[in-house]
Amino acid sequence: MTANELAVYNQLLKELKRLKVAVIIDSQSNLIGEYNALLNLIRLDQHDLYTLAHECVHVIQSKVSKWIGEQPLTKYNPNLTPQQCELLGEFLSSYPQEDLKWEIPAWALQEDPKKVLTELKKVK
């Protein structure tokens, strides 16, 4: 991670701590990352800013019902390139239909961790 990415990563961790969301690194996990709303827990397989941002979107979705829906990726992140949209679209096609309303926003927004941080700071 660059110094700027590390700073955003640490700020995300600080906000998660404020919200009493535990973050654990589990290198043995078969998932890159997951958020469990019942346990208020994020599990990552390694320290990665973009995966943490993705899981923070799920925290925001869970706590304030924001960024939920099957809109185009660019509705959530207008800075995505056509190539990024194509790759993300291919990846998202592997998800069950019922998960897309959660995953489309998370995959789009993980590419803008600062925006995720700004919104996470608004969560009470």
N, C-alpha and C. Protein backbone atom coordinates (compact mmCIF):
# COMPACT_ATOMS: atom_id res chain seq x y z
N MET A 1 0.84 -1.19 0.00
CA MET A 1 0.00 0.00 0.00
C MET A 1 0.88 1.24 0.00
N THR A 2 0.42 2.25 -0.71
CA THR A 2 1.10 3.53 -0.67
C THR A 2 0.80 4.20 0.67
N ALA A 3 1.51 5.27 0.96
CA ALA A 3 1.28 6.00 2.21
C ALA A 3 -0.15 6.54 2.27
N ASN A 4 -0.65 7.07 1.15
CA ASN A 4 -2.02 7.58 1.12
C ASN A 4 -3.04 6.47 1.32
N GLU A 5 -2.81 5.32 0.67
CA GLU A 5 -3.73 4.20 0.84
C GLU A 5 -3.72 3.70 2.28
N LEU A 6 -2.54 3.66 2.87
CA LEU A 6 -2.43 3.23 4.26
C LEU A 6 -3.18 4.18 5.19
N ALA A 7 -3.09 5.46 4.91
CA ALA A 7 -3.80 6.45 5.73
C ALA A 7 -5.31 6.25 5.64
N VAL A 8 -5.83 6.01 4.44
CA VAL A 8 -7.27 5.77 4.27
C VAL A 8 -7.66 4.46 4.95
N TYR A 9 -6.85 3.44 4.79
CA TYR A 9 -7.10 2.14 5.43
C TYR A 9 -7.22 2.32 6.94
N ASN A 10 -6.29 3.04 7.53
CA ASN A 10 -6.31 3.25 8.98
C ASN A 10 -7.51 4.09 9.41
N GLN A 11 -7.91 5.05 8.59
CA GLN A 11 -9.09 5.85 8.91
C GLN A 11 -10.36 4.99 8.84
N LEU A 12 -10.42 4.10 7.87
CA LEU A 12 -11.56 3.18 7.80
C LEU A 12 -11.61 2.31 9.06
N LEU A 13 -10.46 1.80 9.47
CA LEU A 13 -10.41 0.99 10.70
C LEU A 13 -10.88 1.79 11.91
N LYS A 14 -10.47 3.03 11.98
CA LYS A 14 -10.87 3.91 13.10
C LYS A 14 -12.39 4.09 13.13
N GLU A 15 -12.99 4.31 11.95
CA GLU A 15 -14.44 4.48 11.89
C GLU A 15 -15.17 3.18 12.24
N LEU A 16 -14.63 2.07 11.78
CA LEU A 16 -15.24 0.78 12.13
C LEU A 16 -15.18 0.53 13.63
N LYS A 17 -14.07 0.90 14.25
CA LYS A 17 -13.94 0.75 15.70
C LYS A 17 -14.99 1.61 16.40
N ARG A 18 -15.18 2.84 15.90
CA ARG A 18 -16.20 3.73 16.47
C ARG A 18 -17.57 3.08 16.40
N LEU A 19 -17.83 2.38 15.32
CA LEU A 19 -19.12 1.71 15.12
C LEU A 19 -19.18 0.33 15.78
N LYS A 20 -18.11 -0.02 16.47
CA LYS A 20 -18.02 -1.31 17.17
C LYS A 20 -18.08 -2.49 16.20
N VAL A 21 -17.49 -2.31 15.02
CA VAL A 21 -17.36 -3.38 14.04
C VAL A 21 -15.94 -3.92 14.17
N ALA A 22 -15.83 -5.18 14.56
CA ALA A 22 -14.51 -5.80 14.70
C ALA A 22 -13.98 -6.18 13.33
N VAL A 23 -12.67 -6.09 13.17
CA VAL A 23 -12.00 -6.49 11.92
C VAL A 23 -10.93 -7.49 12.29
N ILE A 24 -10.98 -8.65 11.66
CA ILE A 24 -9.94 -9.65 11.89
C ILE A 24 -9.33 -10.06 10.55
N ILE A 25 -8.05 -10.38 10.61
CA ILE A 25 -7.34 -10.90 9.45
C ILE A 25 -7.21 -12.40 9.65
N ASP A 26 -7.72 -13.14 8.69
CA ASP A 26 -7.71 -14.60 8.75
C ASP A 26 -7.12 -15.12 7.44
N SER A 27 -5.83 -15.32 7.42
CA SER A 27 -5.16 -15.74 6.18
C SER A 27 -5.57 -17.15 5.75
N GLN A 28 -6.25 -17.88 6.62
CA GLN A 28 -6.72 -19.22 6.28
C GLN A 28 -8.12 -19.21 5.68
N SER A 29 -8.75 -18.03 5.63
CA SER A 29 -10.12 -17.93 5.14
C SER A 29 -10.17 -18.28 3.65
N ASN A 30 -11.28 -18.87 3.25
CA ASN A 30 -11.45 -19.17 1.83
C ASN A 30 -12.15 -18.01 1.11
N LEU A 31 -12.41 -16.93 1.82
CA LEU A 31 -13.01 -15.73 1.25
C LEU A 31 -12.02 -14.58 1.32
N ILE A 32 -12.06 -13.69 0.34
CA ILE A 32 -11.20 -12.51 0.38
C ILE A 32 -11.65 -11.59 1.51
N GLY A 33 -12.96 -11.48 1.67
CA GLY A 33 -13.52 -10.65 2.72
C GLY A 33 -14.99 -10.95 2.91
N GLU A 34 -15.48 -10.68 4.11
CA GLU A 34 -16.92 -10.83 4.38
C GLU A 34 -17.30 -9.97 5.56
N TYR A 35 -18.55 -9.50 5.54
CA TYR A 35 -19.12 -8.75 6.66
C TYR A 35 -20.28 -9.55 7.21
N ASN A 36 -20.26 -9.79 8.51
CA ASN A 36 -21.34 -10.47 9.19
C ASN A 36 -22.04 -9.44 10.07
N ALA A 37 -23.23 -9.02 9.65
CA ALA A 37 -23.96 -7.99 10.39
C ALA A 37 -24.41 -8.46 11.76
N LEU A 38 -24.72 -9.74 11.90
CA LEU A 38 -25.16 -10.26 13.20
C LEU A 38 -24.04 -10.21 14.23
N LEU A 39 -22.83 -10.52 13.79
CA LEU A 39 -21.67 -10.48 14.69
C LEU A 39 -20.97 -9.13 14.71
N ASN A 40 -21.38 -8.24 13.79
CA ASN A 40 -20.71 -6.95 13.65
C ASN A 40 -19.21 -7.16 13.42
N LEU A 41 -18.89 -7.98 12.43
CA LEU A 41 -17.53 -8.45 12.20
C LEU A 41 -17.18 -8.45 10.72
N ILE A 42 -16.02 -7.90 10.42
CA ILE A 42 -15.45 -8.00 9.08
C ILE A 42 -14.26 -8.94 9.18
N ARG A 43 -14.23 -9.90 8.26
CA ARG A 43 -13.11 -10.84 8.18
C ARG A 43 -12.44 -10.62 6.82
N LEU A 44 -11.13 -10.37 6.85
CA LEU A 44 -10.35 -10.20 5.63
C LEU A 44 -9.28 -11.29 5.58
N ASP A 45 -8.90 -11.69 4.38
CA ASP A 45 -7.82 -12.68 4.29
C ASP A 45 -6.44 -12.02 4.35
N GLN A 46 -6.40 -10.70 4.15
CA GLN A 46 -5.15 -9.94 4.27
C GLN A 46 -5.51 -8.46 4.39
N HIS A 47 -4.52 -7.65 4.75
CA HIS A 47 -4.72 -6.20 4.82
C HIS A 47 -4.80 -5.68 3.39
N ASP A 48 -5.98 -5.25 2.96
CA ASP A 48 -6.16 -4.73 1.61
C ASP A 48 -7.19 -3.60 1.66
N LEU A 49 -6.80 -2.43 1.21
CA LEU A 49 -7.67 -1.25 1.27
C LEU A 49 -8.98 -1.47 0.51
N TYR A 50 -8.90 -2.02 -0.68
CA TYR A 50 -10.08 -2.12 -1.52
C TYR A 50 -11.07 -3.17 -1.01
N THR A 51 -10.55 -4.25 -0.47
CA THR A 51 -11.44 -5.24 0.13
C THR A 51 -12.09 -4.67 1.39
N LEU A 52 -11.31 -3.94 2.19
CA LEU A 52 -11.89 -3.31 3.38
C LEU A 52 -12.96 -2.31 2.98
N ALA A 53 -12.71 -1.51 1.94
CA ALA A 53 -13.71 -0.54 1.47
C ALA A 53 -14.98 -1.27 1.02
N HIS A 54 -14.82 -2.38 0.32
CA HIS A 54 -15.96 -3.19 -0.13
C HIS A 54 -16.81 -3.63 1.07
N GLU A 55 -16.15 -4.14 2.09
CA GLU A 55 -16.89 -4.61 3.27
C GLU A 55 -17.49 -3.45 4.03
N CYS A 56 -16.85 -2.28 4.01
CA CYS A 56 -17.42 -1.10 4.65
C CYS A 56 -18.71 -0.67 3.96
N VAL A 57 -18.80 -0.86 2.65
CA VAL A 57 -20.06 -0.58 1.95
C VAL A 57 -21.16 -1.46 2.53
N HIS A 58 -20.86 -2.72 2.79
CA HIS A 58 -21.87 -3.61 3.39
C HIS A 58 -22.25 -3.14 4.80
N VAL A 59 -21.30 -2.60 5.55
CA VAL A 59 -21.61 -2.03 6.87
C VAL A 59 -22.60 -0.88 6.71
N ILE A 60 -22.31 0.02 5.77
CA ILE A 60 -23.19 1.15 5.52
C ILE A 60 -24.57 0.67 5.08
N GLN A 61 -24.61 -0.30 4.18
CA GLN A 61 -25.89 -0.86 3.72
C GLN A 61 -26.69 -1.40 4.90
N SER A 62 -26.01 -2.09 5.80
CA SER A 62 -26.66 -2.73 6.93
C SER A 62 -27.18 -1.71 7.94
N LYS A 63 -26.42 -0.67 8.15
CA LYS A 63 -26.75 0.26 9.23
C LYS A 63 -27.66 1.41 8.81
N VAL A 64 -27.59 1.84 7.55
CA VAL A 64 -28.41 2.98 7.14
C VAL A 64 -29.16 2.76 5.83
N SER A 65 -29.17 1.53 5.34
CA SER A 65 -29.91 1.20 4.12
C SER A 65 -29.58 2.13 2.95
N LYS A 66 -28.30 2.43 2.79
CA LYS A 66 -27.84 3.25 1.68
C LYS A 66 -27.11 2.36 0.69
N TRP A 67 -27.13 2.77 -0.58
CA TRP A 67 -26.39 2.07 -1.64
C TRP A 67 -26.88 0.63 -1.80
N ILE A 68 -28.18 0.47 -1.90
CA ILE A 68 -28.76 -0.86 -2.13
C ILE A 68 -29.55 -0.79 -3.44
N GLY A 69 -29.27 -1.66 -4.35
CA GLY A 69 -30.04 -1.69 -5.59
C GLY A 69 -29.24 -2.20 -6.75
N GLU A 70 -29.95 -2.52 -7.81
CA GLU A 70 -29.33 -3.07 -9.01
C GLU A 70 -29.25 -2.00 -10.09
N GLN A 71 -28.60 -0.90 -9.78
CA GLN A 71 -28.39 0.17 -10.75
C GLN A 71 -27.08 -0.08 -11.50
N PRO A 72 -26.85 0.64 -12.59
CA PRO A 72 -25.56 0.49 -13.28
C PRO A 72 -24.41 0.84 -12.33
N LEU A 73 -23.30 0.17 -12.52
CA LEU A 73 -22.12 0.39 -11.67
C LEU A 73 -21.76 1.87 -11.58
N THR A 74 -21.89 2.58 -12.71
CA THR A 74 -21.49 4.00 -12.73
C THR A 74 -22.45 4.90 -11.95
N LYS A 75 -23.62 4.40 -11.58
CA LYS A 75 -24.49 5.19 -10.71
C LYS A 75 -23.84 5.35 -9.33
N TYR A 76 -23.15 4.32 -8.89
CA TYR A 76 -22.51 4.35 -7.58
C TYR A 76 -21.11 4.96 -7.65
N ASN A 77 -20.44 4.77 -8.77
CA ASN A 77 -19.09 5.30 -8.94
C ASN A 77 -18.92 5.76 -10.40
N PRO A 78 -19.19 7.04 -10.66
CA PRO A 78 -19.10 7.53 -12.04
C PRO A 78 -17.68 7.56 -12.59
N ASN A 79 -16.70 7.34 -11.75
CA ASN A 79 -15.31 7.36 -12.20
C ASN A 79 -14.83 6.03 -12.77
N LEU A 80 -15.67 5.00 -12.73
CA LEU A 80 -15.27 3.71 -13.29
C LEU A 80 -15.11 3.82 -14.80
N THR A 81 -14.05 3.22 -15.31
CA THR A 81 -13.83 3.20 -16.76
C THR A 81 -14.72 2.12 -17.39
N PRO A 82 -14.94 2.21 -18.70
CA PRO A 82 -15.69 1.13 -19.37
C PRO A 82 -15.03 -0.24 -19.16
N GLN A 83 -13.72 -0.28 -19.16
CA GLN A 83 -13.02 -1.54 -18.94
C GLN A 83 -13.29 -2.09 -17.54
N GLN A 84 -13.25 -1.22 -16.53
CA GLN A 84 -13.55 -1.66 -15.16
C GLN A 84 -14.99 -2.17 -15.08
N CYS A 85 -15.92 -1.46 -15.71
CA CYS A 85 -17.32 -1.89 -15.70
C CYS A 85 -17.48 -3.25 -16.35
N GLU A 86 -16.77 -3.47 -17.45
CA GLU A 86 -16.87 -4.75 -18.14
C GLU A 86 -16.33 -5.88 -17.27
N LEU A 87 -15.17 -5.66 -16.65
CA LEU A 87 -14.59 -6.68 -15.78
C LEU A 87 -15.47 -6.95 -14.57
N LEU A 88 -15.96 -5.89 -13.94
CA LEU A 88 -16.83 -6.06 -12.78
C LEU A 88 -18.13 -6.75 -13.18
N GLY A 89 -18.67 -6.40 -14.34
CA GLY A 89 -19.89 -7.04 -14.81
C GLY A 89 -19.71 -8.54 -15.00
N GLU A 90 -18.57 -8.93 -15.57
CA GLU A 90 -18.29 -10.35 -15.74
C GLU A 90 -18.18 -11.04 -14.38
N PHE A 91 -17.51 -10.39 -13.44
CA PHE A 91 -17.36 -10.97 -12.12
C PHE A 91 -18.71 -11.08 -11.41
N LEU A 92 -19.51 -10.02 -11.51
CA LEU A 92 -20.81 -10.01 -10.83
C LEU A 92 -21.77 -11.05 -11.40
N SER A 93 -21.55 -11.47 -12.63
CA SER A 93 -22.44 -12.47 -13.23
C SER A 93 -22.36 -13.81 -12.50
N SER A 94 -21.33 -13.99 -11.67
CA SER A 94 -21.20 -15.24 -10.91
C SER A 94 -22.02 -15.22 -9.62
N TYR A 95 -22.56 -14.06 -9.26
CA TYR A 95 -23.35 -13.95 -8.02
C TYR A 95 -24.79 -14.38 -8.25
N PRO A 96 -25.43 -14.94 -7.22
CA PRO A 96 -26.87 -15.20 -7.32
C PRO A 96 -27.63 -13.89 -7.50
N GLN A 97 -28.69 -13.91 -8.25
CA GLN A 97 -29.48 -12.70 -8.55
C GLN A 97 -29.87 -11.95 -7.27
N GLU A 98 -30.24 -12.68 -6.22
CA GLU A 98 -30.71 -12.01 -5.00
C GLU A 98 -29.60 -11.25 -4.26
N ASP A 99 -28.34 -11.52 -4.58
CA ASP A 99 -27.23 -10.83 -3.92
C ASP A 99 -26.80 -9.57 -4.66
N LEU A 100 -27.25 -9.38 -5.88
CA LEU A 100 -26.76 -8.28 -6.70
C LEU A 100 -27.08 -6.90 -6.12
N LYS A 101 -28.23 -6.76 -5.44
CA LYS A 101 -28.57 -5.45 -4.89
C LYS A 101 -27.57 -5.00 -3.83
N TRP A 102 -26.87 -5.95 -3.24
CA TRP A 102 -25.84 -5.64 -2.24
C TRP A 102 -24.46 -5.53 -2.89
N GLU A 103 -24.20 -6.41 -3.83
CA GLU A 103 -22.85 -6.54 -4.38
C GLU A 103 -22.51 -5.53 -5.48
N ILE A 104 -23.48 -5.13 -6.29
CA ILE A 104 -23.18 -4.14 -7.33
C ILE A 104 -22.63 -2.85 -6.72
N PRO A 105 -23.32 -2.27 -5.72
CA PRO A 105 -22.76 -1.06 -5.12
C PRO A 105 -21.40 -1.29 -4.46
N ALA A 106 -21.25 -2.42 -3.77
CA ALA A 106 -20.00 -2.68 -3.06
C ALA A 106 -18.81 -2.80 -4.02
N TRP A 107 -19.02 -3.52 -5.12
CA TRP A 107 -17.92 -3.67 -6.09
C TRP A 107 -17.61 -2.35 -6.77
N ALA A 108 -18.62 -1.56 -7.06
CA ALA A 108 -18.38 -0.26 -7.70
C ALA A 108 -17.66 0.70 -6.76
N LEU A 109 -18.09 0.73 -5.52
CA LEU A 109 -17.56 1.71 -4.57
C LEU A 109 -16.22 1.33 -3.96
N GLN A 110 -15.86 0.06 -3.99
CA GLN A 110 -14.57 -0.31 -3.41
C GLN A 110 -13.42 0.38 -4.15
N GLU A 111 -13.66 0.81 -5.37
CA GLU A 111 -12.64 1.50 -6.15
C GLU A 111 -12.47 2.96 -5.73
N ASP A 112 -13.32 3.43 -4.81
CA ASP A 112 -13.24 4.80 -4.31
C ASP A 112 -13.30 4.79 -2.77
N PRO A 113 -12.23 4.28 -2.14
CA PRO A 113 -12.24 4.15 -0.68
C PRO A 113 -12.46 5.46 0.06
N LYS A 114 -12.03 6.58 -0.51
CA LYS A 114 -12.24 7.87 0.17
C LYS A 114 -13.72 8.22 0.24
N LYS A 115 -14.46 7.90 -0.82
CA LYS A 115 -15.91 8.14 -0.80
C LYS A 115 -16.57 7.25 0.24
N VAL A 116 -16.12 6.00 0.31
CA VAL A 116 -16.65 5.07 1.32
C VAL A 116 -16.35 5.61 2.72
N LEU A 117 -15.14 6.11 2.93
CA LEU A 117 -14.77 6.67 4.23
C LEU A 117 -15.67 7.85 4.59
N THR A 118 -15.90 8.74 3.63
CA THR A 118 -16.76 9.91 3.88
C THR A 118 -18.14 9.47 4.33
N GLU A 119 -18.71 8.46 3.67
CA GLU A 119 -20.04 7.98 4.04
C GLU A 119 -20.04 7.21 5.36
N LEU A 120 -18.97 6.48 5.61
CA LEU A 120 -18.88 5.72 6.85
C LEU A 120 -18.84 6.67 8.05
N LYS A 121 -18.20 7.81 7.89
CA LYS A 121 -18.13 8.80 8.97
C LYS A 121 -19.51 9.35 9.33
N LYS A 122 -20.47 9.28 8.40
CA LYS A 122 -21.83 9.79 8.64
C LYS A 122 -22.69 8.80 9.40
N VAL A 123 -22.26 7.54 9.47
CA VAL A 123 -23.06 6.50 10.12
C VAL A 123 -23.03 6.73 11.63
N LYS A 124 -24.18 6.69 12.23
CA LYS A 124 -24.28 6.86 13.70
C LYS A 124 -24.29 5.52 14.40
